[in-house]
Protein backbone atom coordinates (compact mmCIF):
# COMPACT_ATOMS: atom_id res chain seq x y z
CA UNK A 1 -21.17 5.44 0.46
CA UNK A 2 -20.67 1.77 1.22
CA UNK A 3 -17.62 0.59 3.31
CA UNK A 4 -16.45 -2.83 1.98
CA UNK A 5 -14.18 -5.16 3.85
CA UNK A 6 -12.79 -7.47 1.23
CA UNK A 7 -11.03 -10.22 3.26
CA UNK A 8 -9.32 -13.40 2.13
CA UNK A 9 -10.71 -16.32 4.10
CA UNK A 10 -13.97 -17.84 5.00
CA UNK A 11 -15.43 -19.83 8.00
CA UNK A 12 -14.03 -17.55 10.70
CA UNK A 13 -14.55 -18.51 14.39
CA UNK A 14 -17.88 -17.47 16.04
CA UNK A 15 -16.20 -14.64 18.16
CA UNK A 16 -14.85 -13.05 14.78
CA UNK A 17 -18.33 -13.06 13.39
CA UNK A 18 -19.95 -11.91 16.43
CA UNK A 19 -17.57 -8.94 16.91
CA UNK A 20 -17.72 -7.86 13.28
CA UNK A 21 -21.48 -8.14 13.30
CA UNK A 22 -21.84 -5.97 16.50
CA UNK A 23 -20.08 -3.07 15.04
CA UNK A 24 -21.44 -3.47 11.40
CA UNK A 25 -24.91 -3.24 12.89
CA UNK A 26 -24.28 -0.05 14.62
CA UNK A 27 -23.33 1.77 11.40
CA UNK A 28 -25.78 4.14 9.88
CA UNK A 29 -27.13 3.46 6.34
CA UNK A 30 -25.28 6.32 4.73
CA UNK A 31 -22.09 4.50 5.74
CA UNK A 32 -22.87 0.76 6.03
CA UNK A 33 -20.16 -1.84 6.22
CA UNK A 34 -20.26 -4.98 4.05
CA UNK A 35 -18.08 -8.01 4.38
CA UNK A 36 -17.07 -9.76 1.32
CA UNK A 37 -15.21 -12.90 1.92
CA UNK A 38 -12.84 -14.15 -0.69
CA UNK A 39 -11.81 -17.83 -0.85
CA UNK A 40 -8.23 -18.38 0.23
CA UNK A 41 -6.16 -20.46 -2.17
CA UNK A 42 -5.57 -23.92 -0.50
CA UNK A 43 -1.97 -24.19 0.95
CA UNK A 44 -1.78 -27.98 0.18
CA UNK A 45 -1.66 -27.86 -3.62
CA UNK A 46 2.13 -27.48 -4.00
CA UNK A 47 1.83 -23.99 -5.61
CA UNK A 48 4.30 -21.37 -4.72
CA UNK A 49 3.45 -18.57 -2.35
CA UNK A 50 3.52 -15.99 -5.24
CA UNK A 51 1.23 -18.23 -7.34
CA UNK A 52 -1.41 -18.46 -4.36
CA UNK A 53 -1.13 -14.83 -3.76
CA UNK A 54 -1.86 -14.15 -7.42
CA UNK A 55 -4.96 -16.50 -7.42
CA UNK A 56 -6.13 -14.65 -4.32
CA UNK A 57 -5.54 -11.23 -5.98
CA UNK A 58 -7.52 -12.30 -8.97
CA UNK A 59 -10.42 -13.18 -6.69
CA UNK A 60 -10.21 -9.84 -4.87
CA UNK A 61 -10.20 -8.07 -8.16
CA UNK A 62 -13.34 -9.88 -9.17
CA UNK A 63 -15.08 -9.05 -5.86
CA UNK A 64 -14.41 -5.17 -5.98
CA UNK A 65 -16.65 -2.68 -7.49
CA UNK A 66 -15.55 -1.12 -10.74
CA UNK A 67 -15.00 2.23 -8.96
CA UNK A 68 -14.03 2.42 -5.42
CA UNK A 69 -11.44 4.03 -3.11
CA UNK A 70 -8.96 1.15 -2.27
CA UNK A 71 -7.38 0.98 1.08
CA UNK A 72 -4.80 -1.84 1.44
CA UNK A 73 -4.18 -3.08 5.03
CA UNK A 74 -0.61 -3.89 5.40
CA UNK A 75 1.91 -4.03 8.25
CA UNK A 76 4.10 -1.52 6.38
CA UNK A 77 1.21 1.00 5.95
CA UNK A 78 0.50 4.30 7.65
CA UNK A 79 -0.59 3.92 11.34
CA UNK A 80 -3.38 6.21 11.82
CA UNK A 81 -4.85 7.61 15.09
CA UNK A 82 -8.57 7.38 15.65
CA UNK A 83 -8.76 11.11 14.84
CA UNK A 84 -6.82 10.82 11.57
CA UNK A 85 -9.08 7.92 10.59
CA UNK A 86 -12.03 10.08 11.30
CA UNK A 87 -10.77 12.89 9.06
CA UNK A 88 -10.28 10.46 6.11
CA UNK A 89 -13.70 8.96 6.86
CA UNK A 90 -15.15 12.64 6.42
CA UNK A 91 -13.16 12.97 3.21
CA UNK A 92 -14.42 9.62 1.86
CA UNK A 93 -18.12 10.41 2.82
CA UNK A 94 -17.80 13.59 0.85
CA UNK A 95 -16.14 11.95 -2.24
CA UNK A 96 -19.35 9.68 -2.37
CA UNK A 97 -17.43 6.68 -3.48
CA UNK A 98 -17.55 3.23 -1.98
CA UNK A 99 -14.36 2.48 0.05
CA UNK A 100 -12.83 -0.94 -0.03
CA UNK A 101 -10.54 -2.15 2.72
CA UNK A 102 -8.60 -5.02 1.33
CA UNK A 103 -7.27 -7.68 3.54
CA UNK A 104 -5.02 -10.28 2.29
CA UNK A 105 -4.61 -13.94 3.35
CA UNK A 106 -1.90 -15.71 5.48
CA UNK A 107 0.85 -14.63 3.00
CA UNK A 108 -0.41 -11.13 2.40
CA UNK A 109 -1.49 -9.49 -0.65
CA UNK A 110 0.07 -9.84 -4.11
CA UNK A 111 2.07 -6.78 -5.33
CA UNK A 112 -0.37 -6.21 -8.31
CA UNK A 113 -3.21 -5.47 -5.84
CA UNK A 114 -1.00 -3.45 -3.63
CA UNK A 115 -0.05 -1.27 -6.80
CA UNK A 116 -3.78 -0.35 -7.14
CA UNK A 117 -4.00 1.19 -3.65
CA UNK A 118 -5.14 4.73 -3.10
CA UNK A 119 -4.06 4.29 0.57
CA UNK A 120 -2.02 1.72 2.47
CA UNK A 121 -2.71 1.58 6.29
CA UNK A 122 -1.92 -0.62 9.20
CA UNK A 123 -4.15 -1.30 12.07
CA UNK A 124 -1.35 -1.89 14.79
CA UNK A 125 2.32 -2.24 15.21
CA UNK A 126 1.61 -5.52 17.03
CA UNK A 127 1.31 -8.88 15.29
CA UNK A 128 -2.29 -9.93 15.55
CA UNK A 129 -4.20 -13.00 14.35
CA UNK A 130 -5.24 -12.65 10.92
CA UNK A 131 -9.11 -13.20 11.87
CA UNK A 132 -8.90 -10.24 14.43
CA UNK A 133 -8.72 -7.60 11.58
CA UNK A 134 -12.44 -7.92 10.81
CA UNK A 135 -13.85 -7.02 14.24
CA UNK A 136 -10.95 -4.49 14.82
CA UNK A 137 -11.56 -2.89 11.53
CA UNK A 138 -15.27 -2.60 12.03
CA UNK A 139 -14.88 -1.12 15.50
CA UNK A 140 -12.37 1.42 14.30
CA UNK A 141 -14.64 2.51 11.42
CA UNK A 142 -17.60 2.71 13.89
CA UNK A 143 -15.40 4.86 16.20
CA UNK A 144 -14.39 7.11 13.27
CA UNK A 145 -18.15 7.59 12.22
CA UNK A 146 -19.05 8.49 15.83
CA UNK A 147 -16.17 11.07 15.91
CA UNK A 148 -17.56 12.71 12.69
CA UNK A 149 -21.05 12.96 14.25
CA UNK A 150 -20.04 14.01 17.82
CA UNK A 151 -21.67 10.83 19.14
CA UNK A 152 -20.62 10.01 22.73
CA UNK A 153 -19.12 6.63 21.83
CA UNK A 154 -15.64 7.94 21.42
CA UNK A 155 -14.04 9.82 24.59
CA UNK A 156 -10.81 11.59 24.66
């Protein structure tokens, strides 16, 4: 199984890349994390927000594998505990399909992409900087994996 983080936006600050890379390197081969960056639609073209989101949605669709379990990250999604994420992680691992975590741009995700989701989750009830999603999600996935393997990283 491969875990894909498909995120709108490129050229993140160094701290974002460093945090993401640290946790991505820790993942085992049977559940590796791959970051797929999707170019954001320029906000200076005069396009409407729905038109920009639709263009980003088309790029996201093109970046996704033909068959994968789609998890949309959205502020209105289900907030999971670490234990619940680990349970889902086990299920995904058993299914053998790649899992794509889809992260929208500054305006969010187009409704057409949202409608293709198998799951919709939120990382936090707090408003967070968009760039923080990558390292935060990578750490959460590493922690979930560690729970499934009784690795001492997670403590309760």
